[in-house]
Amino acid sequence: MAPYLKCVLLVAAFCAYSALGSFIICEWQSAFLSCPAGKTLNVTSGVFGRTRGNCICPSHNVENKNCTSSNSTSIVQGLCNGKNTCSLYASIYIYGDPCPGTFKYLEVVHTCV
């Protein structure tokens, strides 16, 4: 199987999973997280860095494929938990730079309670 096709399949599989409360925001991008009326957000994980190859948020700048910010989960939880909606921005200015020279992303796992 061609490497490009593997990336497409990985992204497609991940996108199907995103409907279950997980999504990725590429570095320098933003997204809104929301729950239905009467429910609030409960973030279980918010990982900023890069833990996969170049299929997720592809870039020519992928020096490190195993780096995470040590405080990103607590930051995302502080921004979102207990709220009906929140806005997230994937930036080194918020989460620090766990791997200089590598294009990163924010992967968030949440539920609505």
PDB file of N, CA and C in Angstrom:
ATOM      1  N   MET A   1       0.853  -1.179   0.000  1.00  0.00           N
ATOM      2  CA  MET A   1       0.000   0.000   0.000  1.00  0.00           C
ATOM      3  C   MET A   1       0.895   1.238   0.000  1.00  0.00           C
ATOM      4  N   ALA A   2       0.575   2.217  -0.814  1.00  0.00           N
ATOM      5  CA  ALA A   2       1.365   3.437  -0.908  1.00  0.00           C
ATOM      6  C   ALA A   2       1.301   4.221   0.399  1.00  0.00           C
ATOM      7  N   PRO A   3       2.411   4.896   0.797  1.00  0.00           N
ATOM      8  CA  PRO A   3       2.415   5.667   2.040  1.00  0.00           C
ATOM      9  C   PRO A   3       1.300   6.705   2.091  1.00  0.00           C
ATOM     10  N   TYR A   4       1.019   7.361   0.968  1.00  0.00           N
ATOM     11  CA  TYR A   4      -0.040   8.366   0.952  1.00  0.00           C
ATOM     12  C   TYR A   4      -1.390   7.742   1.306  1.00  0.00           C
ATOM     13  N   LEU A   5      -1.668   6.571   0.753  1.00  0.00           N
ATOM     14  CA  LEU A   5      -2.941   5.901   1.012  1.00  0.00           C
ATOM     15  C   LEU A   5      -3.047   5.520   2.484  1.00  0.00           C
ATOM     16  N   LYS A   6      -1.937   5.086   3.094  1.00  0.00           N
ATOM     17  CA  LYS A   6      -1.949   4.774   4.521  1.00  0.00           C
ATOM     18  C   LYS A   6      -2.335   6.000   5.333  1.00  0.00           C
ATOM     19  N   CYS A   7      -1.800   7.159   4.980  1.00  0.00           N
ATOM     20  CA  CYS A   7      -2.137   8.395   5.692  1.00  0.00           C
ATOM     21  C   CYS A   7      -3.614   8.732   5.538  1.00  0.00           C
ATOM     22  N   VAL A   8      -4.125   8.585   4.341  1.00  0.00           N
ATOM     23  CA  VAL A   8      -5.532   8.880   4.109  1.00  0.00           C
ATOM     24  C   VAL A   8      -6.409   7.954   4.945  1.00  0.00           C
ATOM     25  N   LEU A   9      -6.065   6.681   4.989  1.00  0.00           N
ATOM     26  CA  LEU A   9      -6.853   5.736   5.774  1.00  0.00           C
ATOM     27  C   LEU A   9      -6.775   6.044   7.260  1.00  0.00           C
ATOM     28  N   LEU A  10      -5.600   6.433   7.759  1.00  0.00           N
ATOM     29  CA  LEU A  10      -5.441   6.777   9.164  1.00  0.00           C
ATOM     30  C   LEU A  10      -6.284   7.994   9.509  1.00  0.00           C
ATOM     31  N   VAL A  11      -6.240   9.006   8.682  1.00  0.00           N
ATOM     32  CA  VAL A  11      -7.035  10.205   8.931  1.00  0.00           C
ATOM     33  C   VAL A  11      -8.521   9.876   8.874  1.00  0.00           C
ATOM     34  N   ALA A  12      -8.930   9.079   7.908  1.00  0.00           N
ATOM     35  CA  ALA A  12     -10.345   8.722   7.796  1.00  0.00           C
ATOM     36  C   ALA A  12     -10.797   7.961   9.030  1.00  0.00           C
ATOM     37  N   ALA A  13      -9.979   7.046   9.515  1.00  0.00           N
ATOM     38  CA  ALA A  13     -10.341   6.294  10.717  1.00  0.00           C
ATOM     39  C   ALA A  13     -10.414   7.222  11.922  1.00  0.00           C
ATOM     40  N   PHE A  14      -9.489   8.144  12.013  1.00  0.00           N
ATOM     41  CA  PHE A  14      -9.497   9.057  13.143  1.00  0.00           C
ATOM     42  C   PHE A  14     -10.717   9.974  13.082  1.00  0.00           C
ATOM     43  N   CYS A  15     -11.058  10.433  11.912  1.00  0.00           N
ATOM     44  CA  CYS A  15     -12.220  11.311  11.786  1.00  0.00           C
ATOM     45  C   CYS A  15     -13.494  10.584  12.206  1.00  0.00           C
ATOM     46  N   ALA A  16     -13.608   9.316  11.918  1.00  0.00           N
ATOM     47  CA  ALA A  16     -14.774   8.558  12.356  1.00  0.00           C
ATOM     48  C   ALA A  16     -14.820   8.510  13.877  1.00  0.00           C
ATOM     49  N   TYR A  17     -13.669   8.378  14.495  1.00  0.00           N
ATOM     50  CA  TYR A  17     -13.592   8.333  15.957  1.00  0.00           C
ATOM     51  C   TYR A  17     -13.891   9.699  16.569  1.00  0.00           C
ATOM     52  N   SER A  18     -13.605  10.780  15.825  1.00  0.00           N
ATOM     53  CA  SER A  18     -13.781  12.125  16.372  1.00  0.00           C
ATOM     54  C   SER A  18     -15.233  12.387  16.784  1.00  0.00           C
ATOM     55  N   ALA A  19     -16.171  11.706  16.180  1.00  0.00           N
ATOM     56  CA  ALA A  19     -17.568  11.891  16.566  1.00  0.00           C
ATOM     57  C   ALA A  19     -17.836  11.370  17.978  1.00  0.00           C
ATOM     58  N   LEU A  20     -16.920  10.563  18.500  1.00  0.00           N
ATOM     59  CA  LEU A  20     -17.102   9.995  19.829  1.00  0.00           C
ATOM     60  C   LEU A  20     -16.451  10.846  20.913  1.00  0.00           C
ATOM     61  N   GLY A  21     -15.991  12.047  20.600  1.00  0.00           N
ATOM     62  CA  GLY A  21     -15.444  12.931  21.614  1.00  0.00           C
ATOM     63  C   GLY A  21     -13.952  13.118  21.562  1.00  0.00           C
ATOM     64  N   SER A  22     -13.338  12.916  20.429  1.00  0.00           N
ATOM     65  CA  SER A  22     -11.908  13.138  20.270  1.00  0.00           C
ATOM     66  C   SER A  22     -11.692  13.911  18.974  1.00  0.00           C
ATOM     67  N   PHE A  23     -10.816  14.894  19.038  1.00  0.00           N
ATOM     68  CA  PHE A  23     -10.511  15.630  17.821  1.00  0.00           C
ATOM     69  C   PHE A  23      -9.112  16.212  17.901  1.00  0.00           C
ATOM     70  N   ILE A  24      -8.600  16.643  16.766  1.00  0.00           N
ATOM     71  CA  ILE A  24      -7.254  17.206  16.662  1.00  0.00           C
ATOM     72  C   ILE A  24      -7.336  18.593  16.060  1.00  0.00           C
ATOM     73  N   ILE A  25      -6.575  19.515  16.646  1.00  0.00           N
ATOM     74  CA  ILE A  25      -6.432  20.867  16.112  1.00  0.00           C
ATOM     75  C   ILE A  25      -4.966  21.036  15.737  1.00  0.00           C
ATOM     76  N   CYS A  26      -4.674  21.291  14.473  1.00  0.00           N
ATOM     77  CA  CYS A  26      -3.297  21.505  14.041  1.00  0.00           C
ATOM     78  C   CYS A  26      -2.767  22.816  14.622  1.00  0.00           C
ATOM     79  N   GLU A  27      -1.440  22.869  14.824  1.00  0.00           N
ATOM     80  CA  GLU A  27      -0.813  24.059  15.400  1.00  0.00           C
ATOM     81  C   GLU A  27      -1.213  25.315  14.635  1.00  0.00           C
ATOM     82  N   TRP A  28      -1.459  26.373  15.363  1.00  0.00           N
ATOM     83  CA  TRP A  28      -1.862  27.702  14.887  1.00  0.00           C
ATOM     84  C   TRP A  28      -3.306  27.740  14.397  1.00  0.00           C
ATOM     85  N   GLN A  29      -4.080  26.696  14.683  1.00  0.00           N
ATOM     86  CA  GLN A  29      -5.496  26.665  14.327  1.00  0.00           C
ATOM     87  C   GLN A  29      -6.336  26.693  15.607  1.00  0.00           C
ATOM     88  N   SER A  30      -7.609  26.996  15.451  1.00  0.00           N
ATOM     89  CA  SER A  30      -8.505  27.018  16.608  1.00  0.00           C
ATOM     90  C   SER A  30      -9.751  26.201  16.303  1.00  0.00           C
ATOM     91  N   ALA A  31     -10.463  25.862  17.361  1.00  0.00           N
ATOM     92  CA  ALA A  31     -11.707  25.106  17.213  1.00  0.00           C
ATOM     93  C   ALA A  31     -12.582  25.356  18.428  1.00  0.00           C
ATOM     94  N   PHE A  32     -13.884  25.163  18.243  1.00  0.00           N
ATOM     95  CA  PHE A  32     -14.842  25.267  19.335  1.00  0.00           C
ATOM     96  C   PHE A  32     -15.260  23.870  19.758  1.00  0.00           C
ATOM     97  N   LEU A  33     -15.363  23.697  21.046  1.00  0.00           N
ATOM     98  CA  LEU A  33     -15.811  22.441  21.628  1.00  0.00           C
ATOM     99  C   LEU A  33     -17.136  22.739  22.304  1.00  0.00           C
ATOM    100  N   SER A  34     -18.151  21.904  22.079  1.00  0.00           N
ATOM    101  CA  SER A  34     -19.455  22.190  22.689  1.00  0.00           C
ATOM    102  C   SER A  34     -20.206  20.910  23.010  1.00  0.00           C
ATOM    103  N   CYS A  35     -21.163  21.069  23.905  1.00  0.00           N
ATOM    104  CA  CYS A  35     -22.046  19.978  24.299  1.00  0.00           C
ATOM    105  C   CYS A  35     -23.489  20.401  24.041  1.00  0.00           C
ATOM    106  N   PRO A  36     -24.398  19.448  23.979  1.00  0.00           N
ATOM    107  CA  PRO A  36     -25.817  19.783  23.841  1.00  0.00           C
ATOM    108  C   PRO A  36     -26.295  20.602  25.048  1.00  0.00           C
ATOM    109  N   ALA A  37     -27.380  21.312  24.867  1.00  0.00           N
ATOM    110  CA  ALA A  37     -27.954  22.125  25.947  1.00  0.00           C
ATOM    111  C   ALA A  37     -28.170  21.269  27.195  1.00  0.00           C
ATOM    112  N   GLY A  38     -27.816  21.811  28.334  1.00  0.00           N
ATOM    113  CA  GLY A  38     -27.992  21.106  29.598  1.00  0.00           C
ATOM    114  C   GLY A  38     -26.836  20.204  29.983  1.00  0.00           C
ATOM    115  N   LYS A  39     -25.842  20.079  29.116  1.00  0.00           N
ATOM    116  CA  LYS A  39     -24.669  19.247  29.405  1.00  0.00           C
ATOM    117  C   LYS A  39     -23.427  20.127  29.452  1.00  0.00           C
ATOM    118  N   THR A  40     -22.400  19.646  30.176  1.00  0.00           N
ATOM    119  CA  THR A  40     -21.145  20.395  30.263  1.00  0.00           C
ATOM    120  C   THR A  40     -19.976  19.509  29.845  1.00  0.00           C
ATOM    121  N   LEU A  41     -18.893  20.165  29.478  1.00  0.00           N
ATOM    122  CA  LEU A  41     -17.701  19.485  29.001  1.00  0.00           C
ATOM    123  C   LEU A  41     -16.910  18.852  30.138  1.00  0.00           C
ATOM    124  N   ASN A  42     -16.371  17.694  29.867  1.00  0.00           N
ATOM    125  CA  ASN A  42     -15.448  17.030  30.779  1.00  0.00           C
ATOM    126  C   ASN A  42     -14.283  16.516  29.937  1.00  0.00           C
ATOM    127  N   VAL A  43     -13.160  17.241  29.962  1.00  0.00           N
ATOM    128  CA  VAL A  43     -11.978  16.867  29.187  1.00  0.00           C
ATOM    129  C   VAL A  43     -11.182  15.838  29.970  1.00  0.00           C
ATOM    130  N   THR A  44     -10.908  14.699  29.341  1.00  0.00           N
ATOM    131  CA  THR A  44     -10.098  13.674  29.999  1.00  0.00           C
ATOM    132  C   THR A  44      -8.640  13.750  29.555  1.00  0.00           C
ATOM    133  N   SER A  45      -8.390  14.354  28.395  1.00  0.00           N
ATOM    134  CA  SER A  45      -7.024  14.473  27.903  1.00  0.00           C
ATOM    135  C   SER A  45      -6.929  15.628  26.914  1.00  0.00           C
ATOM    136  N   GLY A  46      -5.839  16.354  26.988  1.00  0.00           N
ATOM    137  CA  GLY A  46      -5.540  17.420  26.042  1.00  0.00           C
ATOM    138  C   GLY A  46      -4.045  17.422  25.788  1.00  0.00           C
ATOM    139  N   VAL A  47      -3.605  16.717  24.779  1.00  0.00           N
ATOM    140  CA  VAL A  47      -2.175  16.526  24.541  1.00  0.00           C
ATOM    141  C   VAL A  47      -1.704  17.434  23.413  1.00  0.00           C
ATOM    142  N   PHE A  48      -0.757  18.331  23.730  1.00  0.00           N
ATOM    143  CA  PHE A  48      -0.168  19.217  22.732  1.00  0.00           C
ATOM    144  C   PHE A  48       1.250  18.741  22.446  1.00  0.00           C
ATOM    145  N   GLY A  49       1.532  18.505  21.188  1.00  0.00           N
ATOM    146  CA  GLY A  49       2.848  18.038  20.767  1.00  0.00           C
ATOM    147  C   GLY A  49       2.691  17.209  19.510  1.00  0.00           C
ATOM    148  N   ARG A  50       3.410  16.103  19.445  1.00  0.00           N
ATOM    149  CA  ARG A  50       3.278  15.173  18.320  1.00  0.00           C
ATOM    150  C   ARG A  50       3.607  13.786  18.840  1.00  0.00           C
ATOM    151  N   THR A  51       2.645  12.891  18.688  1.00  0.00           N
ATOM    152  CA  THR A  51       2.843  11.520  19.157  1.00  0.00           C
ATOM    153  C   THR A  51       2.660  10.502  18.033  1.00  0.00           C
ATOM    154  N   ARG A  52       2.424  10.984  16.830  1.00  0.00           N
ATOM    155  CA  ARG A  52       2.240  10.114  15.673  1.00  0.00           C
ATOM    156  C   ARG A  52       3.143  10.599  14.560  1.00  0.00           C
ATOM    157  N   GLY A  53       3.212   9.867  13.517  1.00  0.00           N
ATOM    158  CA  GLY A  53       4.015  10.260  12.362  1.00  0.00           C
ATOM    159  C   GLY A  53       3.484  11.507  11.699  1.00  0.00           C
ATOM    160  N   ASN A  54       3.708  11.611  10.424  1.00  0.00           N
ATOM    161  CA  ASN A  54       3.358  12.819   9.684  1.00  0.00           C
ATOM    162  C   ASN A  54       1.978  12.749   9.034  1.00  0.00           C
ATOM    163  N   CYS A  55       1.183  11.722   9.315  1.00  0.00           N
ATOM    164  CA  CYS A  55      -0.148  11.614   8.721  1.00  0.00           C
ATOM    165  C   CYS A  55      -1.122  12.603   9.355  1.00  0.00           C
ATOM    166  N   ILE A  56      -0.972  12.877  10.638  1.00  0.00           N
ATOM    167  CA  ILE A  56      -1.830  13.839  11.328  1.00  0.00           C
ATOM    168  C   ILE A  56      -1.165  15.199  11.232  1.00  0.00           C
ATOM    169  N   CYS A  57      -1.880  16.185  10.738  1.00  0.00           N
ATOM    170  CA  CYS A  57      -1.340  17.539  10.537  1.00  0.00           C
ATOM    171  C   CYS A  57       0.005  17.471   9.811  1.00  0.00           C
ATOM    172  N   PRO A  58       0.024  16.984   8.577  1.00  0.00           N
ATOM    173  CA  PRO A  58       1.282  16.810   7.842  1.00  0.00           C
ATOM    174  C   PRO A  58       2.066  18.113   7.705  1.00  0.00           C
ATOM    175  N   SER A  59       3.384  17.978   7.721  1.00  0.00           N
ATOM    176  CA  SER A  59       4.271  19.134   7.597  1.00  0.00           C
ATOM    177  C   SER A  59       5.658  18.660   7.185  1.00  0.00           C
ATOM    178  N   HIS A  60       6.438  19.571   6.626  1.00  0.00           N
ATOM    179  CA  HIS A  60       7.838  19.276   6.327  1.00  0.00           C
ATOM    180  C   HIS A  60       8.676  19.391   7.596  1.00  0.00           C
ATOM    181  N   ASN A  61       8.105  20.003   8.648  1.00  0.00           N
ATOM    182  CA  ASN A  61       8.823  20.226   9.902  1.00  0.00           C
ATOM    183  C   ASN A  61       8.379  19.234  10.965  1.00  0.00           C
ATOM    184  N   VAL A  62       8.900  18.026  10.866  1.00  0.00           N
ATOM    185  CA  VAL A  62       8.590  16.996  11.852  1.00  0.00           C
ATOM    186  C   VAL A  62       9.918  16.383  12.305  1.00  0.00           C
ATOM    187  N   GLU A  63      10.595  17.083  13.195  1.00  0.00           N
ATOM    188  CA  GLU A  63      11.877  16.630  13.714  1.00  0.00           C
ATOM    189  C   GLU A  63      11.694  15.563  14.789  1.00  0.00           C
ATOM    190  N   ASN A  64      10.634  15.693  15.577  1.00  0.00           N
ATOM    191  CA  ASN A  64      10.414  14.818  16.717  1.00  0.00           C
ATOM    192  C   ASN A  64       8.992  14.259  16.640  1.00  0.00           C
ATOM    193  N   LYS A  65       8.859  12.953  16.733  1.00  0.00           N
ATOM    194  CA  LYS A  65       7.536  12.323  16.635  1.00  0.00           C
ATOM    195  C   LYS A  65       7.086  11.755  17.968  1.00  0.00           C
ATOM    196  N   ASN A  66       7.735  12.169  19.058  1.00  0.00           N
ATOM    197  CA  ASN A  66       7.362  11.680  20.374  1.00  0.00           C
ATOM    198  C   ASN A  66       7.602  12.764  21.410  1.00  0.00           C
ATOM    199  N   CYS A  67       6.758  13.804  21.391  1.00  0.00           N
ATOM    200  CA  CYS A  67       6.921  14.901  22.333  1.00  0.00           C
ATOM    201  C   CYS A  67       5.547  15.411  22.757  1.00  0.00           C
ATOM    202  N   THR A  68       5.430  15.741  24.024  1.00  0.00           N
ATOM    203  CA  THR A  68       4.176  16.294  24.532  1.00  0.00           C
ATOM    204  C   THR A  68       4.466  17.355  25.575  1.00  0.00           C
ATOM    205  N   SER A  69       3.576  18.311  25.661  1.00  0.00           N
ATOM    206  CA  SER A  69       3.646  19.339  26.691  1.00  0.00           C
ATOM    207  C   SER A  69       3.199  18.728  28.015  1.00  0.00           C
ATOM    208  N   SER A  70       3.927  18.980  29.069  1.00  0.00           N
ATOM    209  CA  SER A  70       3.615  18.353  30.363  1.00  0.00           C
ATOM    210  C   SER A  70       2.361  18.924  31.026  1.00  0.00           C
ATOM    211  N   ASN A  71       1.948  20.124  30.635  1.00  0.00           N
ATOM    212  CA  ASN A  71       0.803  20.745  31.313  1.00  0.00           C
ATOM    213  C   ASN A  71      -0.404  20.960  30.411  1.00  0.00           C
ATOM    214  N   SER A  72      -0.412  20.408  29.212  1.00  0.00           N
ATOM    215  CA  SER A  72      -1.499  20.707  28.269  1.00  0.00           C
ATOM    216  C   SER A  72      -2.849  20.167  28.720  1.00  0.00           C
ATOM    217  N   THR A  73      -2.896  18.999  29.334  1.00  0.00           N
ATOM    218  CA  THR A  73      -4.192  18.474  29.788  1.00  0.00           C
ATOM    219  C   THR A  73      -4.805  19.388  30.834  1.00  0.00           C
ATOM    220  N   SER A  74      -4.023  19.818  31.812  1.00  0.00           N
ATOM    221  CA  SER A  74      -4.582  20.693  32.861  1.00  0.00           C
ATOM    222  C   SER A  74      -5.000  22.043  32.303  1.00  0.00           C
ATOM    223  N   ILE A  75      -4.298  22.545  31.295  1.00  0.00           N
ATOM    224  CA  ILE A  75      -4.689  23.827  30.679  1.00  0.00           C
ATOM    225  C   ILE A  75      -6.027  23.676  29.967  1.00  0.00           C
ATOM    226  N   VAL A  76      -6.172  22.627  29.157  1.00  0.00           N
ATOM    227  CA  VAL A  76      -7.435  22.416  28.425  1.00  0.00           C
ATOM    228  C   VAL A  76      -8.579  22.180  29.411  1.00  0.00           C
ATOM    229  N   GLN A  77      -8.323  21.416  30.461  1.00  0.00           N
ATOM    230  CA  GLN A  77      -9.362  21.196  31.472  1.00  0.00           C
ATOM    231  C   GLN A  77      -9.777  22.518  32.114  1.00  0.00           C
ATOM    232  N   GLY A  78      -8.827  23.371  32.423  1.00  0.00           N
ATOM    233  CA  GLY A  78      -9.145  24.671  33.012  1.00  0.00           C
ATOM    234  C   GLY A  78      -9.946  25.567  32.084  1.00  0.00           C
ATOM    235  N   LEU A  79      -9.691  25.452  30.795  1.00  0.00           N
ATOM    236  CA  LEU A  79     -10.412  26.267  29.809  1.00  0.00           C
ATOM    237  C   LEU A  79     -11.821  25.745  29.529  1.00  0.00           C
ATOM    238  N   CYS A  80     -12.032  24.437  29.669  1.00  0.00           N
ATOM    239  CA  CYS A  80     -13.272  23.838  29.170  1.00  0.00           C
ATOM    240  C   CYS A  80     -14.153  23.135  30.200  1.00  0.00           C
ATOM    241  N   ASN A  81     -13.572  22.479  31.182  1.00  0.00           N
ATOM    242  CA  ASN A  81     -14.392  21.656  32.074  1.00  0.00           C
ATOM    243  C   ASN A  81     -15.474  22.464  32.781  1.00  0.00           C
ATOM    244  N   GLY A  82     -16.669  21.888  32.810  1.00  0.00           N
ATOM    245  CA  GLY A  82     -17.805  22.522  33.471  1.00  0.00           C
ATOM    246  C   GLY A  82     -18.530  23.549  32.617  1.00  0.00           C
ATOM    247  N   LYS A  83     -18.038  23.812  31.419  1.00  0.00           N
ATOM    248  CA  LYS A  83     -18.673  24.786  30.516  1.00  0.00           C
ATOM    249  C   LYS A  83     -19.447  24.053  29.430  1.00  0.00           C
ATOM    250  N   ASN A  84     -20.407  24.743  28.852  1.00  0.00           N
ATOM    251  CA  ASN A  84     -21.161  24.181  27.743  1.00  0.00           C
ATOM    252  C   ASN A  84     -20.362  24.266  26.447  1.00  0.00           C
ATOM    253  N   THR A  85     -19.567  25.331  26.280  1.00  0.00           N
ATOM    254  CA  THR A  85     -18.718  25.514  25.103  1.00  0.00           C
ATOM    255  C   THR A  85     -17.381  26.103  25.526  1.00  0.00           C
ATOM    256  N   CYS A  86     -16.376  25.889  24.725  1.00  0.00           N
ATOM    257  CA  CYS A  86     -15.096  26.566  24.926  1.00  0.00           C
ATOM    258  C   CYS A  86     -14.370  26.652  23.592  1.00  0.00           C
ATOM    259  N   SER A  87     -13.461  27.604  23.512  1.00  0.00           N
ATOM    260  CA  SER A  87     -12.654  27.802  22.319  1.00  0.00           C
ATOM    261  C   SER A  87     -11.225  27.381  22.639  1.00  0.00           C
ATOM    262  N   LEU A  88     -10.623  26.610  21.752  1.00  0.00           N
ATOM    263  CA  LEU A  88      -9.252  26.151  21.948  1.00  0.00           C
ATOM    264  C   LEU A  88      -8.393  26.596  20.778  1.00  0.00           C
ATOM    265  N   TYR A  89      -7.148  26.949  21.085  1.00  0.00           N
ATOM    266  CA  TYR A  89      -6.185  27.380  20.083  1.00  0.00           C
ATOM    267  C   TYR A  89      -4.911  26.570  20.297  1.00  0.00           C
ATOM    268  N   ALA A  90      -4.415  25.912  19.275  1.00  0.00           N
ATOM    269  CA  ALA A  90      -3.224  25.078  19.380  1.00  0.00           C
ATOM    270  C   ALA A  90      -1.980  25.926  19.143  1.00  0.00           C
ATOM    271  N   SER A  91      -1.345  26.350  20.233  1.00  0.00           N
ATOM    272  CA  SER A  91      -0.234  27.290  20.122  1.00  0.00           C
ATOM    273  C   SER A  91       0.832  27.038  21.185  1.00  0.00           C
ATOM    274  N   ILE A  92       2.081  27.234  20.802  1.00  0.00           N
ATOM    275  CA  ILE A  92       3.177  27.124  21.761  1.00  0.00           C
ATOM    276  C   ILE A  92       3.086  28.224  22.815  1.00  0.00           C
ATOM    277  N   TYR A  93       2.381  29.299  22.515  1.00  0.00           N
ATOM    278  CA  TYR A  93       2.237  30.398  23.477  1.00  0.00           C
ATOM    279  C   TYR A  93       1.293  30.031  24.617  1.00  0.00           C
ATOM    280  N   ILE A  94       0.509  29.015  24.434  1.00  0.00           N
ATOM    281  CA  ILE A  94      -0.407  28.548  25.486  1.00  0.00           C
ATOM    282  C   ILE A  94       0.167  27.329  26.204  1.00  0.00           C
ATOM    283  N   TYR A  95       0.709  26.376  25.467  1.00  0.00           N
ATOM    284  CA  TYR A  95       1.114  25.080  26.024  1.00  0.00           C
ATOM    285  C   TYR A  95       2.622  24.901  26.146  1.00  0.00           C
ATOM    286  N   GLY A  96       3.405  25.862  25.683  1.00  0.00           N
ATOM    287  CA  GLY A  96       4.853  25.702  25.652  1.00  0.00           C
ATOM    288  C   GLY A  96       5.270  24.987  24.383  1.00  0.00           C
ATOM    289  N   ASP A  97       6.570  24.840  24.204  1.00  0.00           N
ATOM    290  CA  ASP A  97       7.081  24.200  22.994  1.00  0.00           C
ATOM    291  C   ASP A  97       7.858  22.941  23.372  1.00  0.00           C
ATOM    292  N   PRO A  98       7.166  21.793  23.414  1.00  0.00           N
ATOM    293  CA  PRO A  98       7.830  20.557  23.830  1.00  0.00           C
ATOM    294  C   PRO A  98       8.820  19.997  22.802  1.00  0.00           C
ATOM    295  N   CYS A  99       8.742  20.472  21.564  1.00  0.00           N
ATOM    296  CA  CYS A  99       9.652  19.959  20.533  1.00  0.00           C
ATOM    297  C   CYS A  99       9.881  21.039  19.471  1.00  0.00           C
ATOM    298  N   PRO A 100      10.849  21.935  19.738  1.00  0.00           N
ATOM    299  CA  PRO A 100      11.161  22.980  18.755  1.00  0.00           C
ATOM    300  C   PRO A 100      11.511  22.370  17.401  1.00  0.00           C
ATOM    301  N   GLY A 101      11.058  23.024  16.342  1.00  0.00           N
ATOM    302  CA  GLY A 101      11.335  22.550  14.992  1.00  0.00           C
ATOM    303  C   GLY A 101      10.332  21.535  14.475  1.00  0.00           C
ATOM    304  N   THR A 102       9.364  21.154  15.311  1.00  0.00           N
ATOM    305  CA  THR A 102       8.352  20.183  14.911  1.00  0.00           C
ATOM    306  C   THR A 102       6.985  20.838  14.894  1.00  0.00           C
ATOM    307  N   PHE A 103       6.231  20.627  13.809  1.00  0.00           N
ATOM    308  CA  PHE A 103       4.863  21.115  13.714  1.00  0.00           C
ATOM    309  C   PHE A 103       3.987  20.240  14.603  1.00  0.00           C
ATOM    310  N   LYS A 104       3.289  20.851  15.532  1.00  0.00           N
ATOM    311  CA  LYS A 104       2.556  20.125  16.562  1.00  0.00           C
ATOM    312  C   LYS A 104       1.048  20.177  16.335  1.00  0.00           C
ATOM    313  N   TYR A 105       0.318  19.496  17.222  1.00  0.00           N
ATOM    314  CA  TYR A 105      -1.141  19.551  17.213  1.00  0.00           C
ATOM    315  C   TYR A 105      -1.649  19.327  18.639  1.00  0.00           C
ATOM    316  N   LEU A 106      -2.901  19.704  18.845  1.00  0.00           N
ATOM    317  CA  LEU A 106      -3.568  19.504  20.131  1.00  0.00           C
ATOM    318  C   LEU A 106      -4.619  18.420  19.924  1.00  0.00           C
ATOM    319  N   GLU A 107      -4.491  17.324  20.648  1.00  0.00           N
ATOM    320  CA  GLU A 107      -5.459  16.234  20.569  1.00  0.00           C
ATOM    321  C   GLU A 107      -6.255  16.220  21.860  1.00  0.00           C
ATOM    322  N   VAL A 108      -7.560  16.407  21.736  1.00  0.00           N
ATOM    323  CA  VAL A 108      -8.435  16.536  22.900  1.00  0.00           C
ATOM    324  C   VAL A 108      -9.439  15.379  22.927  1.00  0.00           C
ATOM    325  N   VAL A 109      -9.593  14.787  24.102  1.00  0.00           N
ATOM    326  CA  VAL A 109     -10.604  13.742  24.327  1.00  0.00           C
ATOM    327  C   VAL A 109     -11.530  14.277  25.404  1.00  0.00           C
ATOM    328  N   HIS A 110     -12.837  14.222  25.120  1.00  0.00           N
ATOM    329  CA  HIS A 110     -13.804  14.786  26.072  1.00  0.00           C
ATOM    330  C   HIS A 110     -15.116  14.014  26.042  1.00  0.00           C
ATOM    331  N   THR A 111     -15.914  14.269  27.049  1.00  0.00           N
ATOM    332  CA  THR A 111     -17.288  13.777  27.098  1.00  0.00           C
ATOM    333  C   THR A 111     -18.186  14.945  27.499  1.00  0.00           C
ATOM    334  N   CYS A 112     -19.473  14.774  27.325  1.00  0.00           N
ATOM    335  CA  CYS A 112     -20.458  15.743  27.795  1.00  0.00           C
ATOM    336  C   CYS A 112     -21.214  15.069  28.937  1.00  0.00           C
ATOM    337  N   VAL A 113     -21.275  15.739  30.068  1.00  0.00           N
ATOM    338  CA  VAL A 113     -21.923  15.152  31.246  1.00  0.00           C
ATOM    339  C   VAL A 113     -23.054  16.021  31.733  1.00  0.00           C
TER     340      VAL A 113
END
